[in-house]
Amino acid sequence: MSRKKNIDCTARILSKGDEFITAKNMRYQVTSIKGDYAHARLVGEEAEAKLTSTA
């Protein structure tokens, strides 16, 4: 099932294989680029970072 939705807008130059993580910790990988549009697949959800004390 293929769903089309806008997950990010950027002025950066993208390449196939680039990855990014959304504000909701979802990791996507660019699978193809056609003109001004990049297509990406969901890789998975990133684990929350664990905070540690330095004191």
PDB file of N, CA and C in Angstrom:
ATOM      1  N   MET A   1       0.843  -1.175   0.000  1.00  0.00           N
ATOM      2  CA  MET A   1       0.000   0.000   0.000  1.00  0.00           C
ATOM      3  C   MET A   1       0.889   1.239   0.000  1.00  0.00           C
ATOM      4  N   SER A   2       0.717   2.094  -0.947  1.00  0.00           N
ATOM      5  CA  SER A   2       1.516   3.308  -1.070  1.00  0.00           C
ATOM      6  C   SER A   2       0.672   4.513  -0.689  1.00  0.00           C
ATOM      7  N   ARG A   3       1.122   5.237   0.325  1.00  0.00           N
ATOM      8  CA  ARG A   3       0.417   6.451   0.730  1.00  0.00           C
ATOM      9  C   ARG A   3       1.323   7.635   0.468  1.00  0.00           C
ATOM     10  N   LYS A   4       0.777   8.666  -0.145  1.00  0.00           N
ATOM     11  CA  LYS A   4       1.555   9.867  -0.408  1.00  0.00           C
ATOM     12  C   LYS A   4       1.187  10.915   0.618  1.00  0.00           C
ATOM     13  N   LYS A   5       2.190  11.417   1.329  1.00  0.00           N
ATOM     14  CA  LYS A   5       1.966  12.505   2.261  1.00  0.00           C
ATOM     15  C   LYS A   5       3.255  13.307   2.372  1.00  0.00           C
ATOM     16  N   ASN A   6       3.105  14.574   2.642  1.00  0.00           N
ATOM     17  CA  ASN A   6       4.248  15.455   2.803  1.00  0.00           C
ATOM     18  C   ASN A   6       4.801  15.252   4.203  1.00  0.00           C
ATOM     19  N   ILE A   7       6.062  14.822   4.309  1.00  0.00           N
ATOM     20  CA  ILE A   7       6.652  14.611   5.626  1.00  0.00           C
ATOM     21  C   ILE A   7       7.707  15.651   5.964  1.00  0.00           C
ATOM     22  N   ASP A   8       8.182  16.411   4.959  1.00  0.00           N
ATOM     23  CA  ASP A   8       9.186  17.435   5.225  1.00  0.00           C
ATOM     24  C   ASP A   8       9.335  18.340   4.009  1.00  0.00           C
ATOM     25  N   CYS A   9       9.699  19.580   4.254  1.00  0.00           N
ATOM     26  CA  CYS A   9      10.046  20.524   3.190  1.00  0.00           C
ATOM     27  C   CYS A   9      11.422  21.068   3.520  1.00  0.00           C
ATOM     28  N   THR A  10      12.303  21.126   2.533  1.00  0.00           N
ATOM     29  CA  THR A  10      13.660  21.584   2.786  1.00  0.00           C
ATOM     30  C   THR A  10      14.218  22.318   1.583  1.00  0.00           C
ATOM     31  N   ALA A  11      15.197  23.164   1.822  1.00  0.00           N
ATOM     32  CA  ALA A  11      15.910  23.846   0.745  1.00  0.00           C
ATOM     33  C   ALA A  11      17.249  23.159   0.477  1.00  0.00           C
ATOM     34  N   ARG A  12      17.543  22.104   1.223  1.00  0.00           N
ATOM     35  CA  ARG A  12      18.804  21.371   1.048  1.00  0.00           C
ATOM     36  C   ARG A  12      18.745  20.497  -0.187  1.00  0.00           C
ATOM     37  N   ILE A  13      19.913  20.196  -0.716  1.00  0.00           N
ATOM     38  CA  ILE A  13      20.015  19.255  -1.829  1.00  0.00           C
ATOM     39  C   ILE A  13      20.034  17.850  -1.237  1.00  0.00           C
ATOM     40  N   LEU A  14      19.142  16.996  -1.715  1.00  0.00           N
ATOM     41  CA  LEU A  14      19.037  15.629  -1.210  1.00  0.00           C
ATOM     42  C   LEU A  14      19.589  14.644  -2.224  1.00  0.00           C
ATOM     43  N   SER A  15      20.015  13.504  -1.719  1.00  0.00           N
ATOM     44  CA  SER A  15      20.496  12.410  -2.561  1.00  0.00           C
ATOM     45  C   SER A  15      19.805  11.126  -2.139  1.00  0.00           C
ATOM     46  N   LYS A  16      19.702  10.193  -3.065  1.00  0.00           N
ATOM     47  CA  LYS A  16      19.135   8.888  -2.745  1.00  0.00           C
ATOM     48  C   LYS A  16      19.961   8.275  -1.619  1.00  0.00           C
ATOM     49  N   GLY A  17      19.277   7.747  -0.607  1.00  0.00           N
ATOM     50  CA  GLY A  17      19.957   7.153   0.540  1.00  0.00           C
ATOM     51  C   GLY A  17      20.044   8.071   1.742  1.00  0.00           C
ATOM     52  N   ASP A  18      19.823   9.383   1.554  1.00  0.00           N
ATOM     53  CA  ASP A  18      19.821  10.309   2.686  1.00  0.00           C
ATOM     54  C   ASP A  18      18.736   9.898   3.672  1.00  0.00           C
ATOM     55  N   GLU A  19      18.978  10.152   4.946  1.00  0.00           N
ATOM     56  CA  GLU A  19      18.001   9.834   5.984  1.00  0.00           C
ATOM     57  C   GLU A  19      17.735  11.065   6.824  1.00  0.00           C
ATOM     58  N   PHE A  20      16.559  11.114   7.410  1.00  0.00           N
ATOM     59  CA  PHE A  20      16.241  12.170   8.350  1.00  0.00           C
ATOM     60  C   PHE A  20      15.248  11.652   9.372  1.00  0.00           C
ATOM     61  N   ILE A  21      15.216  12.328  10.518  1.00  0.00           N
ATOM     62  CA  ILE A  21      14.332  11.950  11.617  1.00  0.00           C
ATOM     63  C   ILE A  21      13.384  13.113  11.866  1.00  0.00           C
ATOM     64  N   THR A  22      12.103  12.818  11.899  1.00  0.00           N
ATOM     65  CA  THR A  22      11.093  13.851  12.119  1.00  0.00           C
ATOM     66  C   THR A  22      11.013  14.207  13.601  1.00  0.00           C
ATOM     67  N   ALA A  23      10.255  15.235  13.908  1.00  0.00           N
ATOM     68  CA  ALA A  23      10.054  15.657  15.295  1.00  0.00           C
ATOM     69  C   ALA A  23       9.367  14.572  16.120  1.00  0.00           C
ATOM     70  N   LYS A  24       8.698  13.636  15.455  1.00  0.00           N
ATOM     71  CA  LYS A  24       8.029  12.530  16.157  1.00  0.00           C
ATOM     72  C   LYS A  24       8.915  11.288  16.222  1.00  0.00           C
ATOM     73  N   ASN A  25      10.229  11.463  15.983  1.00  0.00           N
ATOM     74  CA  ASN A  25      11.227  10.381  16.049  1.00  0.00           C
ATOM     75  C   ASN A  25      11.030   9.281  15.019  1.00  0.00           C
ATOM     76  N   MET A  26      10.464   9.617  13.873  1.00  0.00           N
ATOM     77  CA  MET A  26      10.319   8.638  12.803  1.00  0.00           C
ATOM     78  C   MET A  26      11.454   8.836  11.801  1.00  0.00           C
ATOM     79  N   ARG A  27      12.200   7.758  11.500  1.00  0.00           N
ATOM     80  CA  ARG A  27      13.330   7.831  10.561  1.00  0.00           C
ATOM     81  C   ARG A  27      12.861   7.445   9.165  1.00  0.00           C
ATOM     82  N   TYR A  28      13.198   8.290   8.181  1.00  0.00           N
ATOM     83  CA  TYR A  28      12.863   8.053   6.780  1.00  0.00           C
ATOM     84  C   TYR A  28      14.141   8.022   5.955  1.00  0.00           C
ATOM     85  N   GLN A  29      14.123   7.265   4.852  1.00  0.00           N
ATOM     86  CA  GLN A  29      15.249   7.207   3.926  1.00  0.00           C
ATOM     87  C   GLN A  29      14.755   7.571   2.531  1.00  0.00           C
ATOM     88  N   VAL A  30      15.494   8.465   1.867  1.00  0.00           N
ATOM     89  CA  VAL A  30      15.144   8.884   0.508  1.00  0.00           C
ATOM     90  C   VAL A  30      15.383   7.713  -0.441  1.00  0.00           C
ATOM     91  N   THR A  31      14.342   7.348  -1.199  1.00  0.00           N
ATOM     92  CA  THR A  31      14.439   6.215  -2.123  1.00  0.00           C
ATOM     93  C   THR A  31      14.566   6.643  -3.573  1.00  0.00           C
ATOM     94  N   SER A  32      14.031   7.813  -3.916  1.00  0.00           N
ATOM     95  CA  SER A  32      14.155   8.315  -5.285  1.00  0.00           C
ATOM     96  C   SER A  32      13.896   9.812  -5.293  1.00  0.00           C
ATOM     97  N   ILE A  33      14.392  10.451  -6.342  1.00  0.00           N
ATOM     98  CA  ILE A  33      14.203  11.888  -6.507  1.00  0.00           C
ATOM     99  C   ILE A  33      13.740  12.136  -7.932  1.00  0.00           C
ATOM    100  N   LYS A  34      12.644  12.880  -8.055  1.00  0.00           N
ATOM    101  CA  LYS A  34      12.094  13.230  -9.368  1.00  0.00           C
ATOM    102  C   LYS A  34      11.828  14.722  -9.381  1.00  0.00           C
ATOM    103  N   GLY A  35      12.691  15.462 -10.077  1.00  0.00           N
ATOM    104  CA  GLY A  35      12.537  16.915 -10.117  1.00  0.00           C
ATOM    105  C   GLY A  35      12.730  17.513  -8.740  1.00  0.00           C
ATOM    106  N   ASP A  36      11.735  18.278  -8.299  1.00  0.00           N
ATOM    107  CA  ASP A  36      11.797  18.918  -6.987  1.00  0.00           C
ATOM    108  C   ASP A  36      11.206  18.056  -5.875  1.00  0.00           C
ATOM    109  N   TYR A  37      10.877  16.810  -6.166  1.00  0.00           N
ATOM    110  CA  TYR A  37      10.240  15.934  -5.183  1.00  0.00           C
ATOM    111  C   TYR A  37      11.123  14.738  -4.862  1.00  0.00           C
ATOM    112  N   ALA A  38      11.270  14.468  -3.574  1.00  0.00           N
ATOM    113  CA  ALA A  38      11.997  13.281  -3.130  1.00  0.00           C
ATOM    114  C   ALA A  38      10.985  12.324  -2.517  1.00  0.00           C
ATOM    115  N   HIS A  39      11.149  11.062  -2.793  1.00  0.00           N
ATOM    116  CA  HIS A  39      10.284  10.029  -2.230  1.00  0.00           C
ATOM    117  C   HIS A  39      11.086   9.273  -1.179  1.00  0.00           C
ATOM    118  N   ALA A  40      10.435   8.964  -0.063  1.00  0.00           N
ATOM    119  CA  ALA A  40      11.137   8.319   1.045  1.00  0.00           C
ATOM    120  C   ALA A  40      10.303   7.177   1.595  1.00  0.00           C
ATOM    121  N   ARG A  41      10.995   6.252   2.249  1.00  0.00           N
ATOM    122  CA  ARG A  41      10.301   5.153   2.917  1.00  0.00           C
ATOM    123  C   ARG A  41      10.569   5.254   4.405  1.00  0.00           C
ATOM    124  N   LEU A  42       9.597   4.826   5.179  1.00  0.00           N
ATOM    125  CA  LEU A  42       9.736   4.809   6.628  1.00  0.00           C
ATOM    126  C   LEU A  42      10.666   3.671   7.010  1.00  0.00           C
ATOM    127  N   VAL A  43      11.727   3.994   7.735  1.00  0.00           N
ATOM    128  CA  VAL A  43      12.669   2.982   8.208  1.00  0.00           C
ATOM    129  C   VAL A  43      12.203   2.453   9.561  1.00  0.00           C
ATOM    130  N   GLY A  44      11.759   3.345  10.423  1.00  0.00           N
ATOM    131  CA  GLY A  44      11.268   2.927  11.735  1.00  0.00           C
ATOM    132  C   GLY A  44      11.285   4.077  12.719  1.00  0.00           C
ATOM    133  N   GLU A  45      10.879   3.769  13.928  1.00  0.00           N
ATOM    134  CA  GLU A  45      10.837   4.776  14.979  1.00  0.00           C
ATOM    135  C   GLU A  45      12.131   4.722  15.769  1.00  0.00           C
ATOM    136  N   GLU A  46      12.698   5.888  16.044  1.00  0.00           N
ATOM    137  CA  GLU A  46      13.929   5.979  16.812  1.00  0.00           C
ATOM    138  C   GLU A  46      13.613   5.902  18.300  1.00  0.00           C
ATOM    139  N   ALA A  47      14.514   5.304  19.054  1.00  0.00           N
ATOM    140  CA  ALA A  47      14.353   5.223  20.505  1.00  0.00           C
ATOM    141  C   ALA A  47      14.597   6.604  21.112  1.00  0.00           C
ATOM    142  N   GLU A  48      13.910   6.894  22.194  1.00  0.00           N
ATOM    143  CA  GLU A  48      14.122   8.151  22.903  1.00  0.00           C
ATOM    144  C   GLU A  48      15.528   8.163  23.492  1.00  0.00           C
ATOM    145  N   ALA A  49      16.174   9.319  23.441  1.00  0.00           N
ATOM    146  CA  ALA A  49      17.507   9.457  24.032  1.00  0.00           C
ATOM    147  C   ALA A  49      17.391   9.422  25.550  1.00  0.00           C
ATOM    148  N   LYS A  50      18.365   8.791  26.179  1.00  0.00           N
ATOM    149  CA  LYS A  50      18.381   8.740  27.642  1.00  0.00           C
ATOM    150  C   LYS A  50      19.294   9.848  28.150  1.00  0.00           C
ATOM    151  N   LEU A  51      18.784  10.648  29.070  1.00  0.00           N
ATOM    152  CA  LEU A  51      19.568  11.731  29.648  1.00  0.00           C
ATOM    153  C   LEU A  51      20.350  11.205  30.837  1.00  0.00           C
ATOM    154  N   THR A  52      21.601  11.629  30.936  1.00  0.00           N
ATOM    155  CA  THR A  52      22.430  11.224  32.075  1.00  0.00           C
ATOM    156  C   THR A  52      22.958  12.467  32.762  1.00  0.00           C
ATOM    157  N   SER A  53      23.213  12.350  34.033  1.00  0.00           N
ATOM    158  CA  SER A  53      23.729  13.460  34.817  1.00  0.00           C
ATOM    159  C   SER A  53      25.248  13.474  34.728  1.00  0.00           C
ATOM    160  N   THR A  54      25.822  14.661  34.616  1.00  0.00           N
ATOM    161  CA  THR A  54      27.280  14.783  34.586  1.00  0.00           C
ATOM    162  C   THR A  54      27.812  15.276  35.921  1.00  0.00           C
ATOM    163  N   ALA A  55      26.940  15.445  36.890  1.00  0.00           N
ATOM    164  CA  ALA A  55      27.353  15.956  38.207  1.00  0.00           C
ATOM    165  C   ALA A  55      27.851  14.852  39.098  1.00  0.00           C
TER     166      ALA A  55
END
